[in-house]
């Protein structure tokens, strides 16, 4: 048994949706007691830090229903079943921004909320962008507006909480540290 491991004794699927599945697991704790764990299963996602030649960073603004507000974020999207993260990253970059890149570098992967979800985000960086000649259609229920900002402008939006999600805050920190090298 691994340190602090919780052994699942029963698992019940509560909801199976298009993006997430919710299950409730009964577990035996390391001390022998039992508990329940509500877990969101997610296929994983990608996020792309896309920086143009002039140093500006590409963002998208979109409405986030869970937050009931529009947010400014780096381009991102959900992995499709069986799809490699690098393929998803290129597709999402094209769909959301109208740019493409054959030079996407994996920077980091991280779990978004390991207390209750298994979503793993793969963060890529590119500064080698090509504008597409024709727009690639994105998701039919997704409405985004493209924004190109300097790091300073983006940090101001973060202070105003218009940028207010972990992947984008991570991206800004990454770029700030990169700039200091």
C-alpha atoms as a PDB file:
ATOM      1  CA  UNK A   1       0.000   0.000   0.000  1.00  0.00           C
ATOM      2  CA  UNK A   2       1.238   3.486  -0.897  1.00  0.00           C
ATOM      3  CA  UNK A   3       1.573   6.168   1.760  1.00  0.00           C
ATOM      4  CA  UNK A   4      -1.854   7.625   2.658  1.00  0.00           C
ATOM      5  CA  UNK A   5      -3.573   5.432   0.034  1.00  0.00           C
ATOM      6  CA  UNK A   6      -7.343   5.239   0.170  1.00  0.00           C
ATOM      7  CA  UNK A   7      -8.765   1.929  -1.042  1.00  0.00           C
ATOM      8  CA  UNK A   8     -11.988   2.129  -3.058  1.00  0.00           C
ATOM      9  CA  UNK A   9     -14.565  -0.345  -1.818  1.00  0.00           C
ATOM     10  CA  UNK A  10     -17.482   0.846  -3.945  1.00  0.00           C
ATOM     11  CA  UNK A  11     -17.957   3.263  -6.840  1.00  0.00           C
ATOM     12  CA  UNK A  12     -21.223   4.735  -8.105  1.00  0.00           C
ATOM     13  CA  UNK A  13     -21.516   6.799 -11.282  1.00  0.00           C
ATOM     14  CA  UNK A  14     -23.895   9.693 -10.574  1.00  0.00           C
ATOM     15  CA  UNK A  15     -23.733  11.563 -13.870  1.00  0.00           C
ATOM     16  CA  UNK A  16     -22.170  10.982 -17.290  1.00  0.00           C
ATOM     17  CA  UNK A  17     -22.034  14.115 -19.401  1.00  0.00           C
ATOM     18  CA  UNK A  18     -20.407  15.271 -22.606  1.00  0.00           C
ATOM     19  CA  UNK A  19     -17.392  16.725 -20.771  1.00  0.00           C
ATOM     20  CA  UNK A  20     -17.355  15.365 -17.233  1.00  0.00           C
ATOM     21  CA  UNK A  21     -18.488  12.320 -15.335  1.00  0.00           C
ATOM     22  CA  UNK A  22     -19.298  12.443 -11.622  1.00  0.00           C
ATOM     23  CA  UNK A  23     -18.856   9.444  -9.366  1.00  0.00           C
ATOM     24  CA  UNK A  24     -19.001   8.837  -5.648  1.00  0.00           C
ATOM     25  CA  UNK A  25     -16.474   6.389  -4.228  1.00  0.00           C
ATOM     26  CA  UNK A  26     -16.647   4.721  -0.836  1.00  0.00           C
ATOM     27  CA  UNK A  27     -13.105   4.390   0.494  1.00  0.00           C
ATOM     28  CA  UNK A  28     -11.232   2.834   3.361  1.00  0.00           C
ATOM     29  CA  UNK A  29      -8.826   5.370   4.845  1.00  0.00           C
ATOM     30  CA  UNK A  30      -5.263   4.592   5.981  1.00  0.00           C
ATOM     31  CA  UNK A  31      -6.447   4.423   9.610  1.00  0.00           C
ATOM     32  CA  UNK A  32      -9.167   1.868   8.734  1.00  0.00           C
ATOM     33  CA  UNK A  33     -12.097   4.289   8.866  1.00  0.00           C
ATOM     34  CA  UNK A  34     -14.333   4.814   5.840  1.00  0.00           C
ATOM     35  CA  UNK A  35     -15.371   7.916   3.919  1.00  0.00           C
ATOM     36  CA  UNK A  36     -16.979   9.074   0.660  1.00  0.00           C
ATOM     37  CA  UNK A  37     -15.190  10.863  -2.178  1.00  0.00           C
ATOM     38  CA  UNK A  38     -17.020  12.836  -4.871  1.00  0.00           C
ATOM     39  CA  UNK A  39     -14.860  12.699  -7.982  1.00  0.00           C
ATOM     40  CA  UNK A  40     -15.108  14.445 -11.340  1.00  0.00           C
ATOM     41  CA  UNK A  41     -13.582  12.451 -14.195  1.00  0.00           C
ATOM     42  CA  UNK A  42     -12.315  14.660 -17.038  1.00  0.00           C
ATOM     43  CA  UNK A  43     -10.529  13.644 -20.272  1.00  0.00           C
ATOM     44  CA  UNK A  44      -7.805  16.262 -19.792  1.00  0.00           C
ATOM     45  CA  UNK A  45      -7.042  19.513 -21.564  1.00  0.00           C
ATOM     46  CA  UNK A  46      -4.371  21.602 -23.215  1.00  0.00           C
ATOM     47  CA  UNK A  47      -3.465  25.269 -22.926  1.00  0.00           C
ATOM     48  CA  UNK A  48      -1.233  27.242 -25.256  1.00  0.00           C
ATOM     49  CA  UNK A  49       1.014  30.183 -24.423  1.00  0.00           C
ATOM     50  CA  UNK A  50       1.222  31.774 -27.875  1.00  0.00           C
ATOM     51  CA  UNK A  51       3.611  34.696 -28.193  1.00  0.00           C
ATOM     52  CA  UNK A  52       3.959  36.708 -31.373  1.00  0.00           C
ATOM     53  CA  UNK A  53       7.229  38.047 -32.816  1.00  0.00           C
ATOM     54  CA  UNK A  54       6.515  41.471 -31.299  1.00  0.00           C
ATOM     55  CA  UNK A  55       6.261  39.852 -27.844  1.00  0.00           C
ATOM     56  CA  UNK A  56       2.487  40.172 -27.547  1.00  0.00           C
ATOM     57  CA  UNK A  57       0.637  37.205 -26.105  1.00  0.00           C
ATOM     58  CA  UNK A  58      -2.532  35.847 -27.680  1.00  0.00           C
ATOM     59  CA  UNK A  59      -5.556  35.543 -25.413  1.00  0.00           C
ATOM     60  CA  UNK A  60      -9.217  34.834 -25.925  1.00  0.00           C
ATOM     61  CA  UNK A  61     -12.079  36.371 -24.024  1.00  0.00           C
ATOM     62  CA  UNK A  62     -15.155  34.247 -23.512  1.00  0.00           C
ATOM     63  CA  UNK A  63     -18.116  33.936 -21.200  1.00  0.00           C
ATOM     64  CA  UNK A  64     -17.715  31.324 -18.471  1.00  0.00           C
ATOM     65  CA  UNK A  65     -21.121  30.228 -17.238  1.00  0.00           C
ATOM     66  CA  UNK A  66     -19.760  28.618 -14.055  1.00  0.00           C
ATOM     67  CA  UNK A  67     -18.327  32.017 -13.035  1.00  0.00           C
ATOM     68  CA  UNK A  68     -21.194  34.048 -14.584  1.00  0.00           C
ATOM     69  CA  UNK A  69     -18.718  36.424 -16.241  1.00  0.00           C
ATOM     70  CA  UNK A  70     -16.450  36.890 -19.220  1.00  0.00           C
ATOM     71  CA  UNK A  71     -12.844  35.926 -18.642  1.00  0.00           C
ATOM     72  CA  UNK A  72      -9.619  36.506 -20.549  1.00  0.00           C
ATOM     73  CA  UNK A  73      -7.604  33.302 -20.917  1.00  0.00           C
ATOM     74  CA  UNK A  74      -4.863  31.705 -22.943  1.00  0.00           C
ATOM     75  CA  UNK A  75      -6.253  29.455 -25.710  1.00  0.00           C
ATOM     76  CA  UNK A  76      -7.211  26.046 -24.359  1.00  0.00           C
ATOM     77  CA  UNK A  77      -9.429  23.064 -24.956  1.00  0.00           C
ATOM     78  CA  UNK A  78     -10.452  19.557 -24.016  1.00  0.00           C
ATOM     79  CA  UNK A  79      -8.673  16.446 -25.243  1.00  0.00           C
ATOM     80  CA  UNK A  80     -10.781  14.296 -27.538  1.00  0.00           C
ATOM     81  CA  UNK A  81     -10.820  10.556 -26.842  1.00  0.00           C
ATOM     82  CA  UNK A  82      -7.575   8.967 -28.050  1.00  0.00           C
ATOM     83  CA  UNK A  83      -6.123  12.311 -29.177  1.00  0.00           C
ATOM     84  CA  UNK A  84      -2.530  13.171 -28.309  1.00  0.00           C
ATOM     85  CA  UNK A  85      -2.199  16.448 -26.358  1.00  0.00           C
ATOM     86  CA  UNK A  86       0.091  18.011 -28.999  1.00  0.00           C
ATOM     87  CA  UNK A  87      -2.599  17.398 -31.649  1.00  0.00           C
ATOM     88  CA  UNK A  88      -5.245  18.965 -29.415  1.00  0.00           C
ATOM     89  CA  UNK A  89      -2.981  21.959 -28.764  1.00  0.00           C
ATOM     90  CA  UNK A  90      -2.479  22.647 -32.466  1.00  0.00           C
ATOM     91  CA  UNK A  91      -6.206  22.213 -33.187  1.00  0.00           C
ATOM     92  CA  UNK A  92      -7.269  24.520 -30.345  1.00  0.00           C
ATOM     93  CA  UNK A  93      -4.700  27.155 -31.337  1.00  0.00           C
ATOM     94  CA  UNK A  94      -6.072  27.142 -34.895  1.00  0.00           C
ATOM     95  CA  UNK A  95      -9.755  27.120 -33.898  1.00  0.00           C
ATOM     96  CA  UNK A  96      -9.564  29.772 -31.204  1.00  0.00           C
ATOM     97  CA  UNK A  97      -6.951  32.152 -32.628  1.00  0.00           C
ATOM     98  CA  UNK A  98      -6.622  31.693 -36.389  1.00  0.00           C
ATOM     99  CA  UNK A  99      -2.911  30.940 -35.955  1.00  0.00           C
ATOM    100  CA  UNK A 100      -1.013  27.699 -36.278  1.00  0.00           C
ATOM    101  CA  UNK A 101       2.400  26.453 -35.214  1.00  0.00           C
ATOM    102  CA  UNK A 102       4.567  23.447 -35.976  1.00  0.00           C
ATOM    103  CA  UNK A 103       6.753  24.347 -33.009  1.00  0.00           C
ATOM    104  CA  UNK A 104       4.748  23.727 -29.843  1.00  0.00           C
ATOM    105  CA  UNK A 105       6.925  22.938 -26.831  1.00  0.00           C
ATOM    106  CA  UNK A 106       5.473  21.177 -23.778  1.00  0.00           C
ATOM    107  CA  UNK A 107       6.221  23.340 -20.738  1.00  0.00           C
ATOM    108  CA  UNK A 108       4.384  21.593 -17.906  1.00  0.00           C
ATOM    109  CA  UNK A 109       1.478  19.369 -17.021  1.00  0.00           C
ATOM    110  CA  UNK A 110      -0.537  19.851 -13.841  1.00  0.00           C
ATOM    111  CA  UNK A 111      -3.756  18.740 -12.187  1.00  0.00           C
ATOM    112  CA  UNK A 112      -6.247  21.583 -11.886  1.00  0.00           C
ATOM    113  CA  UNK A 113      -8.101  20.502  -8.731  1.00  0.00           C
ATOM    114  CA  UNK A 114      -6.774  17.176  -7.379  1.00  0.00           C
ATOM    115  CA  UNK A 115      -9.041  17.305  -4.336  1.00  0.00           C
ATOM    116  CA  UNK A 116     -12.029  16.347  -6.464  1.00  0.00           C
ATOM    117  CA  UNK A 117     -11.093  16.132 -10.167  1.00  0.00           C
ATOM    118  CA  UNK A 118      -8.596  14.196 -12.294  1.00  0.00           C
ATOM    119  CA  UNK A 119      -8.279  16.854 -15.033  1.00  0.00           C
ATOM    120  CA  UNK A 120      -4.676  17.061 -16.247  1.00  0.00           C
ATOM    121  CA  UNK A 121      -3.726  20.156 -18.262  1.00  0.00           C
ATOM    122  CA  UNK A 122      -0.810  20.080 -20.717  1.00  0.00           C
ATOM    123  CA  UNK A 123       0.646  23.581 -21.172  1.00  0.00           C
ATOM    124  CA  UNK A 124       2.499  24.350 -24.416  1.00  0.00           C
ATOM    125  CA  UNK A 125       4.528  27.365 -25.506  1.00  0.00           C
ATOM    126  CA  UNK A 126       5.202  28.717 -28.965  1.00  0.00           C
ATOM    127  CA  UNK A 127       6.676  31.893 -30.385  1.00  0.00           C
ATOM    128  CA  UNK A 128       6.612  30.508 -33.933  1.00  0.00           C
ATOM    129  CA  UNK A 129       3.171  31.439 -35.223  1.00  0.00           C
ATOM    130  CA  UNK A 130       1.726  31.527 -38.731  1.00  0.00           C
ATOM    131  CA  UNK A 131      -1.582  33.242 -39.508  1.00  0.00           C
ATOM    132  CA  UNK A 132      -3.975  30.838 -41.230  1.00  0.00           C
ATOM    133  CA  UNK A 133      -5.258  31.877 -44.650  1.00  0.00           C
ATOM    134  CA  UNK A 134      -8.709  30.480 -43.896  1.00  0.00           C
ATOM    135  CA  UNK A 135     -10.487  30.423 -40.562  1.00  0.00           C
ATOM    136  CA  UNK A 136     -10.887  27.004 -38.954  1.00  0.00           C
ATOM    137  CA  UNK A 137     -14.325  26.438 -37.459  1.00  0.00           C
ATOM    138  CA  UNK A 138     -14.362  25.931 -33.718  1.00  0.00           C
ATOM    139  CA  UNK A 139     -17.007  24.498 -31.435  1.00  0.00           C
ATOM    140  CA  UNK A 140     -20.485  25.665 -32.446  1.00  0.00           C
ATOM    141  CA  UNK A 141     -21.344  26.658 -28.866  1.00  0.00           C
ATOM    142  CA  UNK A 142     -18.130  28.600 -28.237  1.00  0.00           C
ATOM    143  CA  UNK A 143     -17.920  32.350 -28.780  1.00  0.00           C
ATOM    144  CA  UNK A 144     -14.508  33.943 -28.309  1.00  0.00           C
ATOM    145  CA  UNK A 145     -12.864  37.263 -29.023  1.00  0.00           C
ATOM    146  CA  UNK A 146      -9.166  37.375 -29.804  1.00  0.00           C
ATOM    147  CA  UNK A 147      -6.926  39.689 -27.780  1.00  0.00           C
ATOM    148  CA  UNK A 148      -3.227  40.432 -28.178  1.00  0.00           C
ATOM    149  CA  UNK A 149      -1.625  41.885 -25.051  1.00  0.00           C
ATOM    150  CA  UNK A 150       1.787  42.681 -23.669  1.00  0.00           C
ATOM    151  CA  UNK A 151       2.772  40.943 -20.455  1.00  0.00           C
ATOM    152  CA  UNK A 152       2.250  44.228 -18.570  1.00  0.00           C
ATOM    153  CA  UNK A 153      -1.255  44.655 -20.021  1.00  0.00           C
ATOM    154  CA  UNK A 154      -2.103  41.047 -19.114  1.00  0.00           C
ATOM    155  CA  UNK A 155      -0.841  41.499 -15.553  1.00  0.00           C
ATOM    156  CA  UNK A 156      -3.138  44.528 -15.226  1.00  0.00           C
ATOM    157  CA  UNK A 157      -6.103  42.368 -16.319  1.00  0.00           C
ATOM    158  CA  UNK A 158      -5.036  39.808 -13.728  1.00  0.00           C
ATOM    159  CA  UNK A 159      -5.112  42.506 -11.024  1.00  0.00           C
ATOM    160  CA  UNK A 160      -8.624  43.444 -12.216  1.00  0.00           C
ATOM    161  CA  UNK A 161      -9.599  39.740 -12.067  1.00  0.00           C
ATOM    162  CA  UNK A 162     -10.505  39.667 -15.757  1.00  0.00           C
ATOM    163  CA  UNK A 163      -7.714  37.101 -15.945  1.00  0.00           C
ATOM    164  CA  UNK A 164      -8.661  34.875 -13.047  1.00  0.00           C
ATOM    165  CA  UNK A 165      -7.946  31.236 -13.861  1.00  0.00           C
ATOM    166  CA  UNK A 166      -4.999  29.049 -12.887  1.00  0.00           C
ATOM    167  CA  UNK A 167      -3.719  28.113 -16.346  1.00  0.00           C
ATOM    168  CA  UNK A 168      -3.543  31.749 -17.477  1.00  0.00           C
ATOM    169  CA  UNK A 169      -1.996  32.936 -14.212  1.00  0.00           C
ATOM    170  CA  UNK A 170       0.566  30.139 -14.623  1.00  0.00           C
ATOM    171  CA  UNK A 171       1.255  31.343 -18.169  1.00  0.00           C
ATOM    172  CA  UNK A 172       1.876  34.907 -16.995  1.00  0.00           C
ATOM    173  CA  UNK A 173       4.235  33.712 -14.278  1.00  0.00           C
ATOM    174  CA  UNK A 174       6.065  31.513 -16.802  1.00  0.00           C
ATOM    175  CA  UNK A 175       6.494  34.460 -19.194  1.00  0.00           C
ATOM    176  CA  UNK A 176       7.607  36.805 -16.426  1.00  0.00           C
ATOM    177  CA  UNK A 177      10.260  34.338 -15.243  1.00  0.00           C
ATOM    178  CA  UNK A 178      11.343  33.707 -18.854  1.00  0.00           C
ATOM    179  CA  UNK A 179      11.721  37.460 -19.350  1.00  0.00           C
ATOM    180  CA  UNK A 180      13.974  37.713 -16.269  1.00  0.00           C
ATOM    181  CA  UNK A 181      16.475  35.147 -17.585  1.00  0.00           C
END
